[in-house]
Amino acid sequence: MPASKSYPVESLSFKPQDPEKTYYSPTNNSPPPPYTNGDGPVDLDPPIEEEEERGIWGSQWEFLLSCIGLSVGIGNVWRFPYLAYDNGGGAFLIPYIIMLVLVGKPMYYMELALGQYGGEAPLTVWSCVPIAKGVGVAMVIVSFIVAIYYNVIMSYTLYYMWASMQKVLPWQTCTNAWNSRFCYVRGETNLSYFEELNRTEEFNGTIKLTTSPEEYWTNKVLGLNEIVDGVISHTYNISDLGGIKWDIVLNLLLSWIIVFICLMKGIKSSGKVVYFTATFPYVVLIILLIRGAILEGAKEGIWYFIYPDIKRLRDINVWRNALGQMFFSLSVGWGCLIMFASYNKFRHNCYRDAMVVSSLDTITSVIAGFVVFSVLGEMAREIGTDVSQVVKGGPGLAFIAYPEAVGFLPVPQLWSVIFFFMLYTLGLDSEVKNGCFANLTLIVDFSQM
């Protein structure tokens, strides 16, 4: 008769020497496993080989801050404000909060619990339900796509950071080659000249003024318009891409190199970095919030952000965008939370972490919204238009409003460098965890499938 064998009853992934887990043995008077021959358990499984020790977090704070770094990122500071602007401000907040409570928080907790219980990566954890293995594959694919997508946005922040190291910020003037004749600088341009020009027969009310930060983003960074003598001579689009912008390409390459360096040392070294990357952004955002709140037109912008237009709630696209932002911001359904929790100790309180991180994620989005909309309110006051019409919405909104906001601060060059460095660290934190660690863990654990 073979020697008695112990059976774990708590986890999909276990170490026989773990004293915290409960095992069956014929000598402890516990119920036998399902398969017996009357005298003892029948060994229906092959021998379990010892596996290499899986790394764990250095402390519970590293795990919590890493989850904050994953969820609180560019999606809050860059994506949330422009979606709120495009979907009616306050009308976007209502469905977003509803989706957060009914879908976001439960799914966040579910993924942490699954990863911690199984102790496996997003791909191999679904071995408990073989028919759902495709879910793990889909998670890794999504994480891989987001890793590529995030780095493009991060390359823009590097571009702005280098551009900030000049005597005069390039988006604070309208005398550059990329500026049109209808560019204006906040607080410096005589807007009455454009008002008189707009009343002439030549233009007859067709002039639309654009701020210098908006033209810098559109014409200089993206290169969407070619300007000749202050007039747009050519506009590029998806069917006419134009040439390669080597300045953006080089920044993108640099960003990938930085990501690779951050990944070289593994999960424990990454945990140390989050003590800075997860806390520093709040200092910068609060400074910008205080400065933006005292602007003369801030009240109108903030009111647009928090007051809901009930009619917009009938639009299904508002609800769809709110749900999409909730998934994007919390990183739910991408497998990264499962992977993070798999490095936890088995009895770690992941419910507490799920509630803290999901709540902090929403608070960060709201703070970023206040910063952006206070600046938009001031811009709308200056040119005498409604907040909803002050700028063109879309993904570029943050790269228009934030540069405008740092221009209000003393020594704007310094604050611009600090802000875009902060924005890059937000993206880097999410990039390393959102995509790259998931895929590296995939490579390591693929042989276990």
Protein backbone atom coordinates (compact mmCIF):
# COMPACT_ATOMS: atom_id res chain seq x y z
CA MET A 1 0.00 0.00 0.00
CA PRO A 2 1.49 3.41 -0.95
CA ALA A 3 2.09 5.95 1.75
CA SER A 4 -0.77 8.26 2.67
CA LYS A 5 -0.98 11.40 0.56
CA SER A 6 -2.31 14.81 1.57
CA TYR A 7 -4.85 16.69 -0.55
CA PRO A 8 -5.19 20.49 -0.55
CA VAL A 9 -8.68 21.90 -0.31
CA GLU A 10 -8.13 25.67 -0.55
CA SER A 11 -6.19 26.62 -3.63
CA LEU A 12 -5.59 25.79 -7.27
CA SER A 13 -1.89 26.47 -6.78
CA PHE A 14 -0.27 25.23 -3.57
CA LYS A 15 2.94 24.16 -1.90
CA PRO A 16 2.72 20.96 0.21
CA GLN A 17 4.90 22.59 2.87
CA ASP A 18 2.52 25.55 3.35
CA PRO A 19 1.36 25.28 7.01
CA GLU A 20 -1.62 27.62 6.49
CA LYS A 21 -3.53 25.23 4.20
CA THR A 22 -5.71 22.31 5.21
CA TYR A 23 -4.94 18.79 4.00
CA TYR A 24 -6.70 15.46 4.13
CA SER A 25 -5.02 12.53 5.82
CA PRO A 26 -6.53 9.21 7.02
CA THR A 27 -5.15 9.94 10.51
CA ASN A 28 -7.00 13.22 11.18
CA ASN A 29 -10.59 11.83 11.09
CA SER A 30 -11.58 14.25 8.32
CA PRO A 31 -13.90 13.19 5.48
CA PRO A 32 -12.09 11.18 2.80
CA PRO A 33 -11.68 12.43 -0.76
CA PRO A 34 -14.18 11.24 -3.35
CA TYR A 35 -12.08 8.32 -4.61
CA THR A 36 -11.19 5.58 -2.10
CA ASN A 37 -10.79 1.83 -2.08
CA GLY A 38 -12.06 1.41 1.49
CA ASP A 39 -8.61 1.39 3.12
CA GLY A 40 -7.42 4.85 2.06
CA PRO A 41 -7.22 7.27 -0.81
CA VAL A 42 -6.34 6.04 -4.26
CA ASP A 43 -3.64 8.09 -5.96
CA LEU A 44 -5.37 9.04 -9.20
CA ASP A 45 -3.08 12.02 -9.88
CA PRO A 46 0.49 11.91 -11.14
CA PRO A 47 3.22 12.86 -8.65
CA ILE A 48 3.44 16.59 -8.01
CA GLU A 49 6.84 17.98 -8.96
CA GLU A 50 8.35 20.76 -6.94
CA GLU A 51 8.01 24.09 -8.75
CA GLU A 52 10.24 27.10 -8.56
CA GLU A 53 9.13 29.46 -5.79
CA ARG A 54 6.79 32.13 -7.19
CA GLY A 55 7.71 35.66 -6.17
CA ILE A 56 5.51 37.63 -3.78
CA TRP A 57 5.14 41.33 -3.02
CA GLY A 58 7.65 42.78 -0.59
CA SER A 59 4.77 44.20 1.47
CA GLN A 60 1.03 44.73 1.24
CA TRP A 61 1.69 48.42 0.57
CA GLU A 62 3.60 47.56 -2.59
CA PHE A 63 0.62 45.59 -3.87
CA LEU A 64 -1.83 48.37 -2.99
CA LEU A 65 0.30 51.10 -4.57
CA SER A 66 0.89 48.95 -7.63
CA CYS A 67 -2.87 48.55 -8.08
CA ILE A 68 -3.21 52.31 -7.70
CA GLY A 69 -0.47 52.83 -10.27
CA LEU A 70 -2.22 50.42 -12.63
CA SER A 71 -5.69 51.90 -12.32
CA VAL A 72 -4.83 55.56 -11.65
CA GLY A 73 -3.03 56.65 -14.78
CA ILE A 74 -3.36 58.42 -18.08
CA GLY A 75 -6.94 57.18 -18.31
CA ASN A 76 -7.87 59.48 -15.43
CA VAL A 77 -5.86 62.58 -16.30
CA TRP A 78 -6.04 62.42 -20.10
CA ARG A 79 -9.02 60.30 -21.17
CA PHE A 80 -11.66 61.04 -18.53
CA PRO A 81 -11.74 64.86 -19.03
CA TYR A 82 -12.15 64.72 -22.79
CA LEU A 83 -14.89 62.07 -22.59
CA ALA A 84 -16.70 64.17 -19.98
CA TYR A 85 -16.39 67.20 -22.25
CA ASP A 86 -17.62 65.35 -25.34
CA ASN A 87 -20.57 63.82 -23.46
CA GLY A 88 -22.04 66.83 -21.73
CA GLY A 89 -19.95 67.24 -18.58
CA GLY A 90 -22.25 66.45 -15.66
CA ALA A 91 -24.39 64.19 -17.84
CA PHE A 92 -21.37 61.91 -18.14
CA LEU A 93 -20.71 61.69 -14.39
CA ILE A 94 -24.09 60.11 -13.55
CA PRO A 95 -23.78 56.99 -15.74
CA TYR A 96 -20.09 56.73 -14.89
CA ILE A 97 -20.77 56.52 -11.15
CA ILE A 98 -23.67 54.09 -11.71
CA MET A 99 -21.45 51.81 -13.80
CA LEU A 100 -18.69 52.06 -11.21
CA VAL A 101 -20.95 50.89 -8.37
CA LEU A 102 -22.85 48.18 -10.25
CA VAL A 103 -20.06 46.82 -12.47
CA GLY A 104 -16.64 48.28 -11.70
CA LYS A 105 -16.25 47.57 -7.99
CA PRO A 106 -17.67 44.00 -8.10
CA MET A 107 -15.53 43.03 -11.09
CA TYR A 108 -12.42 44.58 -9.55
CA TYR A 109 -12.89 42.52 -6.40
CA MET A 110 -13.68 39.39 -8.41
CA GLU A 111 -10.43 39.61 -10.40
CA LEU A 112 -8.31 40.18 -7.31
CA ALA A 113 -9.96 37.26 -5.53
CA LEU A 114 -9.52 34.95 -8.52
CA GLY A 115 -5.85 35.78 -8.94
CA GLN A 116 -5.07 35.51 -5.24
CA TYR A 117 -6.95 32.22 -4.84
CA GLY A 118 -5.43 30.60 -7.89
CA GLY A 119 -1.91 31.99 -7.55
CA GLU A 120 -1.61 31.90 -11.33
CA ALA A 121 -1.20 34.31 -14.23
CA PRO A 122 -4.21 35.44 -16.33
CA LEU A 123 -3.61 32.67 -18.86
CA THR A 124 -3.13 29.67 -16.59
CA VAL A 125 -5.61 30.59 -13.86
CA TRP A 126 -8.48 29.55 -16.13
CA SER A 127 -7.33 25.93 -15.91
CA CYS A 128 -10.01 25.65 -13.23
CA VAL A 129 -12.59 26.13 -16.00
CA PRO A 130 -11.00 24.72 -19.18
CA ILE A 131 -13.79 25.98 -21.42
CA ALA A 132 -12.93 29.56 -20.34
CA LYS A 133 -9.23 29.42 -21.25
CA GLY A 134 -10.01 31.65 -24.20
CA VAL A 135 -10.88 34.40 -21.71
CA GLY A 136 -7.29 34.37 -20.45
CA VAL A 137 -5.94 34.51 -23.99
CA ALA A 138 -8.22 37.46 -24.79
CA MET A 139 -7.04 39.27 -21.65
CA VAL A 140 -3.40 38.95 -22.66
CA ILE A 141 -4.14 40.14 -26.21
CA VAL A 142 -5.98 43.21 -24.89
CA SER A 143 -3.11 44.00 -22.51
CA PHE A 144 -0.64 43.72 -25.37
CA ILE A 145 -2.65 46.14 -27.53
CA VAL A 146 -3.00 48.62 -24.66
CA ALA A 147 0.77 48.44 -24.05
CA ILE A 148 1.37 49.65 -27.60
CA TYR A 149 -1.38 52.25 -27.37
CA TYR A 150 -0.16 53.68 -24.06
CA ASN A 151 3.37 54.19 -25.29
CA VAL A 152 2.19 56.41 -28.13
CA ILE A 153 0.48 58.74 -25.64
CA MET A 154 3.58 58.63 -23.45
CA SER A 155 5.73 59.71 -26.40
CA TYR A 156 3.59 62.87 -26.65
CA THR A 157 4.25 63.68 -23.00
CA LEU A 158 7.99 63.31 -23.59
CA TYR A 159 7.68 65.62 -26.59
CA TYR A 160 6.02 68.29 -24.46
CA MET A 161 8.55 67.83 -21.66
CA TRP A 162 11.49 68.51 -23.97
CA ALA A 163 9.65 71.46 -25.53
CA SER A 164 9.15 72.94 -22.06
CA MET A 165 12.90 73.39 -21.62
CA GLN A 166 12.94 76.68 -23.52
CA LYS A 167 13.06 80.32 -22.51
CA VAL A 168 9.54 80.82 -23.86
CA LEU A 169 7.07 77.96 -23.99
CA PRO A 170 6.36 77.36 -27.70
CA TRP A 171 2.59 77.12 -27.17
CA GLN A 172 2.46 80.57 -25.56
CA THR A 173 3.13 82.52 -28.75
CA CYS A 174 1.44 82.93 -32.14
CA THR A 175 4.53 83.95 -34.10
CA ASN A 176 5.70 80.49 -35.08
CA ALA A 177 5.67 78.83 -38.49
CA TRP A 178 2.86 76.51 -37.44
CA ASN A 179 0.50 79.28 -36.30
CA SER A 180 -2.41 80.50 -38.43
CA ARG A 181 -3.51 84.11 -38.75
CA PHE A 182 -6.45 83.42 -36.40
CA CYS A 183 -4.28 82.25 -33.49
CA TYR A 184 -4.51 84.16 -30.23
CA VAL A 185 -2.67 84.14 -26.90
CA ARG A 186 -4.67 84.30 -23.70
CA GLY A 187 -4.43 87.73 -22.06
CA GLU A 188 -2.15 89.20 -24.75
CA THR A 189 -3.98 89.26 -28.08
CA ASN A 190 -6.34 92.14 -28.84
CA LEU A 191 -9.54 90.23 -29.57
CA SER A 192 -11.37 93.36 -30.72
CA TYR A 193 -9.28 93.27 -33.90
CA PHE A 194 -10.67 89.85 -34.79
CA GLU A 195 -14.20 90.97 -33.93
CA GLU A 196 -13.96 93.84 -36.40
CA LEU A 197 -12.36 91.60 -39.01
CA ASN A 198 -15.15 89.08 -38.60
CA ARG A 199 -17.71 91.74 -39.48
CA THR A 200 -16.12 92.49 -42.81
CA GLU A 201 -17.57 91.25 -46.09
CA GLU A 202 -14.59 88.96 -46.68
CA PHE A 203 -15.23 86.81 -43.60
CA ASN A 204 -18.83 87.64 -42.67
CA GLY A 205 -18.78 85.89 -39.30
CA THR A 206 -16.84 82.81 -40.41
CA ILE A 207 -13.68 83.43 -38.37
CA LYS A 208 -13.07 80.86 -35.65
CA LEU A 209 -10.25 81.75 -33.28
CA THR A 210 -7.94 79.05 -31.98
CA THR A 211 -5.67 79.26 -28.96
CA SER A 212 -1.92 78.94 -29.30
CA PRO A 213 -1.85 75.63 -27.30
CA GLU A 214 -4.50 74.18 -29.62
CA GLU A 215 -2.50 75.12 -32.74
CA TYR A 216 0.70 73.78 -31.20
CA TRP A 217 -0.96 70.40 -30.60
CA THR A 218 -2.71 70.19 -33.96
CA ASN A 219 -0.18 71.75 -36.30
CA LYS A 220 3.17 71.17 -34.60
CA VAL A 221 2.92 67.95 -32.57
CA LEU A 222 0.52 65.99 -34.77
CA GLY A 223 1.36 67.84 -37.99
CA LEU A 224 -2.23 67.61 -39.22
CA ASN A 225 -2.15 70.98 -41.00
CA GLU A 226 0.44 72.60 -43.22
CA ILE A 227 0.54 76.37 -42.68
CA VAL A 228 1.76 78.72 -45.40
CA ASP A 229 1.73 82.46 -44.63
CA GLY A 230 -0.76 81.97 -41.83
CA VAL A 231 -3.21 79.97 -43.96
CA ILE A 232 -3.88 76.22 -43.91
CA SER A 233 -2.64 74.93 -47.25
CA HIS A 234 -3.11 71.21 -46.69
CA THR A 235 -4.76 68.96 -44.10
CA TYR A 236 -3.72 65.35 -43.51
CA ASN A 237 -6.16 62.61 -42.58
CA ILE A 238 -6.45 58.83 -42.45
CA SER A 239 -6.39 58.57 -46.24
CA ASP A 240 -3.46 60.98 -46.57
CA LEU A 241 -1.04 60.25 -43.74
CA GLY A 242 1.89 62.29 -44.98
CA GLY A 243 5.49 61.53 -44.03
CA ILE A 244 7.00 60.08 -40.85
CA LYS A 245 7.34 62.51 -37.93
CA TRP A 246 10.80 61.52 -36.76
CA ASP A 247 10.65 63.62 -33.60
CA ILE A 248 7.64 61.59 -32.39
CA VAL A 249 9.26 58.32 -33.53
CA LEU A 250 12.42 59.01 -31.53
CA ASN A 251 10.40 59.85 -28.43
CA LEU A 252 8.43 56.63 -28.89
CA LEU A 253 11.69 54.65 -29.11
CA LEU A 254 12.99 56.31 -25.95
CA SER A 255 9.77 55.46 -24.15
CA TRP A 256 10.07 51.78 -25.05
CA ILE A 257 13.68 51.73 -23.84
CA ILE A 258 12.63 53.20 -20.48
CA VAL A 259 9.86 50.59 -20.15
CA PHE A 260 12.34 47.79 -20.87
CA ILE A 261 14.73 49.08 -18.20
CA CYS A 262 11.91 49.20 -15.65
CA LEU A 263 11.02 45.57 -16.40
CA MET A 264 14.53 44.16 -16.13
CA LYS A 265 14.49 43.53 -12.38
CA GLY A 266 11.08 41.90 -12.01
CA ILE A 267 8.11 42.35 -9.72
CA LYS A 268 9.90 43.24 -6.49
CA SER A 269 11.96 46.09 -7.93
CA SER A 270 8.85 47.38 -9.66
CA GLY A 271 7.06 47.46 -6.32
CA LYS A 272 9.64 49.90 -4.94
CA VAL A 273 9.09 52.38 -7.78
CA VAL A 274 5.38 52.81 -7.03
CA TYR A 275 6.08 54.59 -3.74
CA PHE A 276 6.95 57.59 -5.93
CA THR A 277 4.92 57.10 -9.11
CA ALA A 278 1.62 56.49 -7.28
CA THR A 279 1.86 59.53 -4.99
CA PHE A 280 3.70 62.26 -6.92
CA PRO A 281 0.86 62.93 -9.42
CA TYR A 282 -1.51 63.98 -6.65
CA VAL A 283 0.83 66.75 -5.54
CA VAL A 284 0.96 68.23 -9.06
CA LEU A 285 -2.78 67.84 -9.69
CA ILE A 286 -3.70 69.55 -6.43
CA ILE A 287 -1.40 72.50 -7.23
CA LEU A 288 -2.99 72.88 -10.67
CA LEU A 289 -6.46 72.52 -9.13
CA ILE A 290 -5.83 75.35 -6.65
CA ARG A 291 -4.49 77.62 -9.39
CA GLY A 292 -7.31 76.79 -11.78
CA ALA A 293 -10.02 77.29 -9.17
CA ILE A 294 -9.09 80.95 -8.63
CA LEU A 295 -9.33 81.86 -12.32
CA GLU A 296 -12.07 84.32 -13.13
CA GLY A 297 -13.94 82.01 -15.50
CA ALA A 298 -13.38 78.80 -13.52
CA LYS A 299 -16.90 78.83 -12.07
CA GLU A 300 -18.57 78.42 -15.49
CA GLY A 301 -16.26 75.58 -16.46
CA ILE A 302 -16.74 73.69 -13.20
CA TRP A 303 -20.50 74.21 -13.36
CA TYR A 304 -20.54 72.64 -16.83
CA PHE A 305 -18.59 69.70 -15.41
CA ILE A 306 -20.88 68.95 -12.46
CA TYR A 307 -24.32 70.08 -13.66
CA PRO A 308 -26.02 67.35 -15.70
CA ASP A 309 -28.03 68.02 -18.83
CA ILE A 310 -30.84 65.51 -18.26
CA LYS A 311 -31.59 65.33 -21.99
CA ARG A 312 -28.12 63.91 -22.65
CA LEU A 313 -28.91 60.96 -20.39
CA ARG A 314 -31.29 59.70 -23.09
CA ASP A 315 -28.33 59.27 -25.43
CA ILE A 316 -27.11 55.67 -25.34
CA ASN A 317 -23.64 56.79 -26.46
CA VAL A 318 -23.17 58.67 -23.18
CA TRP A 319 -23.79 55.45 -21.25
CA ARG A 320 -21.61 53.44 -23.61
CA ASN A 321 -18.71 55.88 -23.22
CA ALA A 322 -19.13 55.89 -19.44
CA LEU A 323 -18.97 52.10 -19.33
CA GLY A 324 -15.95 52.05 -21.63
CA GLN A 325 -14.14 54.61 -19.48
CA MET A 326 -14.89 52.61 -16.35
CA PHE A 327 -13.27 49.49 -17.85
CA PHE A 328 -10.37 51.50 -19.26
CA SER A 329 -9.69 53.40 -16.05
CA LEU A 330 -9.95 50.50 -13.59
CA SER A 331 -8.19 48.10 -16.01
CA VAL A 332 -10.96 45.57 -15.39
CA GLY A 333 -11.11 42.62 -17.77
CA TRP A 334 -7.51 42.93 -18.94
CA GLY A 335 -5.99 40.26 -16.70
CA CYS A 336 -3.47 42.55 -15.01
CA LEU A 337 -5.37 42.53 -11.72
CA ILE A 338 -5.41 38.73 -11.75
CA MET A 339 -1.68 38.71 -12.37
CA PHE A 340 -1.01 41.22 -9.57
CA ALA A 341 -3.12 39.34 -7.03
CA SER A 342 -1.40 36.07 -7.91
CA TYR A 343 1.71 37.39 -6.13
CA ASN A 344 -0.24 37.98 -2.91
CA LYS A 345 -0.17 35.79 0.17
CA PHE A 346 -3.16 33.47 0.22
CA ARG A 347 -4.96 35.17 3.13
CA HIS A 348 -4.36 38.78 2.05
CA ASN A 349 -7.38 41.12 2.43
CA CYS A 350 -8.00 41.89 -1.24
CA TYR A 351 -11.56 43.12 -0.62
CA ARG A 352 -10.22 46.15 1.24
CA ASP A 353 -7.78 46.89 -1.58
CA ALA A 354 -10.51 46.60 -4.22
CA MET A 355 -12.70 49.16 -2.45
CA VAL A 356 -9.83 51.57 -1.80
CA VAL A 357 -8.38 51.52 -5.32
CA SER A 358 -11.69 51.74 -7.18
CA SER A 359 -12.76 54.70 -5.02
CA LEU A 360 -9.42 56.48 -5.35
CA ASP A 361 -9.54 56.00 -9.10
CA THR A 362 -12.83 57.88 -9.29
CA ILE A 363 -11.60 60.66 -7.00
CA THR A 364 -8.54 61.15 -9.23
CA SER A 365 -10.70 61.39 -12.33
CA VAL A 366 -12.89 64.03 -10.70
CA ILE A 367 -9.85 66.07 -9.60
CA ALA A 368 -8.46 65.97 -13.14
CA GLY A 369 -11.87 67.01 -14.43
CA PHE A 370 -11.95 70.04 -12.15
CA VAL A 371 -8.48 71.09 -13.34
CA VAL A 372 -9.37 70.85 -17.03
CA PHE A 373 -12.81 72.42 -16.81
CA SER A 374 -11.63 75.35 -14.70
CA VAL A 375 -9.21 76.21 -17.51
CA LEU A 376 -11.88 75.69 -20.17
CA GLY A 377 -14.15 78.07 -18.28
CA GLU A 378 -11.47 80.76 -18.33
CA MET A 379 -10.84 80.22 -22.05
CA ALA A 380 -14.57 80.49 -22.75
CA ARG A 381 -14.81 83.73 -20.75
CA GLU A 382 -11.97 85.33 -22.68
CA ILE A 383 -13.33 84.67 -26.16
CA GLY A 384 -16.97 85.14 -25.11
CA THR A 385 -18.36 81.73 -25.97
CA ASP A 386 -19.98 78.78 -24.23
CA VAL A 387 -17.79 76.20 -22.49
CA SER A 388 -19.15 73.47 -24.77
CA GLN A 389 -17.87 75.39 -27.82
CA VAL A 390 -14.54 76.68 -26.57
CA VAL A 391 -12.31 73.93 -28.02
CA LYS A 392 -12.65 70.93 -30.23
CA GLY A 393 -13.13 67.84 -28.08
CA GLY A 394 -11.39 64.53 -28.51
CA PRO A 395 -8.20 62.86 -27.27
CA GLY A 396 -6.17 66.05 -27.68
CA LEU A 397 -8.15 68.04 -25.12
CA ALA A 398 -5.73 67.34 -22.26
CA PHE A 399 -2.78 68.44 -24.39
CA ILE A 400 -4.56 71.76 -24.93
CA ALA A 401 -6.01 72.49 -21.48
CA TYR A 402 -3.09 71.36 -19.31
CA PRO A 403 -0.43 73.40 -21.18
CA GLU A 404 -2.79 76.35 -20.89
CA ALA A 405 -3.12 75.71 -17.14
CA VAL A 406 0.62 75.61 -16.43
CA GLY A 407 0.90 78.94 -18.25
CA PHE A 408 -1.01 80.53 -15.36
CA LEU A 409 1.67 79.50 -12.84
CA PRO A 410 4.87 81.40 -12.03
CA VAL A 411 7.94 80.05 -13.86
CA PRO A 412 5.72 78.10 -16.29
CA GLN A 413 8.70 76.29 -17.80
CA LEU A 414 9.47 74.59 -14.50
CA TRP A 415 5.86 73.65 -13.85
CA SER A 416 5.44 72.42 -17.41
CA VAL A 417 8.42 70.08 -17.06
CA ILE A 418 7.11 68.83 -13.71
CA PHE A 419 3.59 68.29 -15.04
CA PHE A 420 4.57 66.37 -18.17
CA PHE A 421 7.09 64.36 -16.19
CA MET A 422 4.23 63.51 -13.84
CA LEU A 423 2.02 62.57 -16.79
CA TYR A 424 4.77 60.35 -18.15
CA THR A 425 5.24 58.57 -14.81
CA LEU A 426 1.49 57.96 -14.70
CA GLY A 427 1.65 56.38 -18.13
CA LEU A 428 4.83 54.47 -17.31
CA ASP A 429 3.31 53.01 -14.16
CA SER A 430 0.26 51.81 -16.06
CA GLU A 431 2.32 50.72 -19.07
CA VAL A 432 4.68 48.51 -17.10
CA LYS A 433 1.84 46.87 -15.22
CA ASN A 434 -1.02 47.07 -17.68
CA GLY A 435 0.60 45.34 -20.58
CA CYS A 436 4.19 44.35 -20.21
CA PHE A 437 4.09 42.44 -16.92
CA ALA A 438 1.03 40.54 -18.12
CA ASN A 439 2.88 39.44 -21.23
CA LEU A 440 6.11 38.61 -19.40
CA THR A 441 4.14 36.53 -16.92
CA LEU A 442 2.50 34.85 -19.91
CA ILE A 443 5.90 33.79 -21.24
CA VAL A 444 6.99 32.44 -17.85
CA ASP A 445 3.76 30.53 -17.14
CA PHE A 446 2.96 29.34 -20.66
CA SER A 447 4.64 26.02 -20.09
CA GLN A 448 2.19 25.24 -17.28
CA MET A 449 -0.83 25.15 -19.60
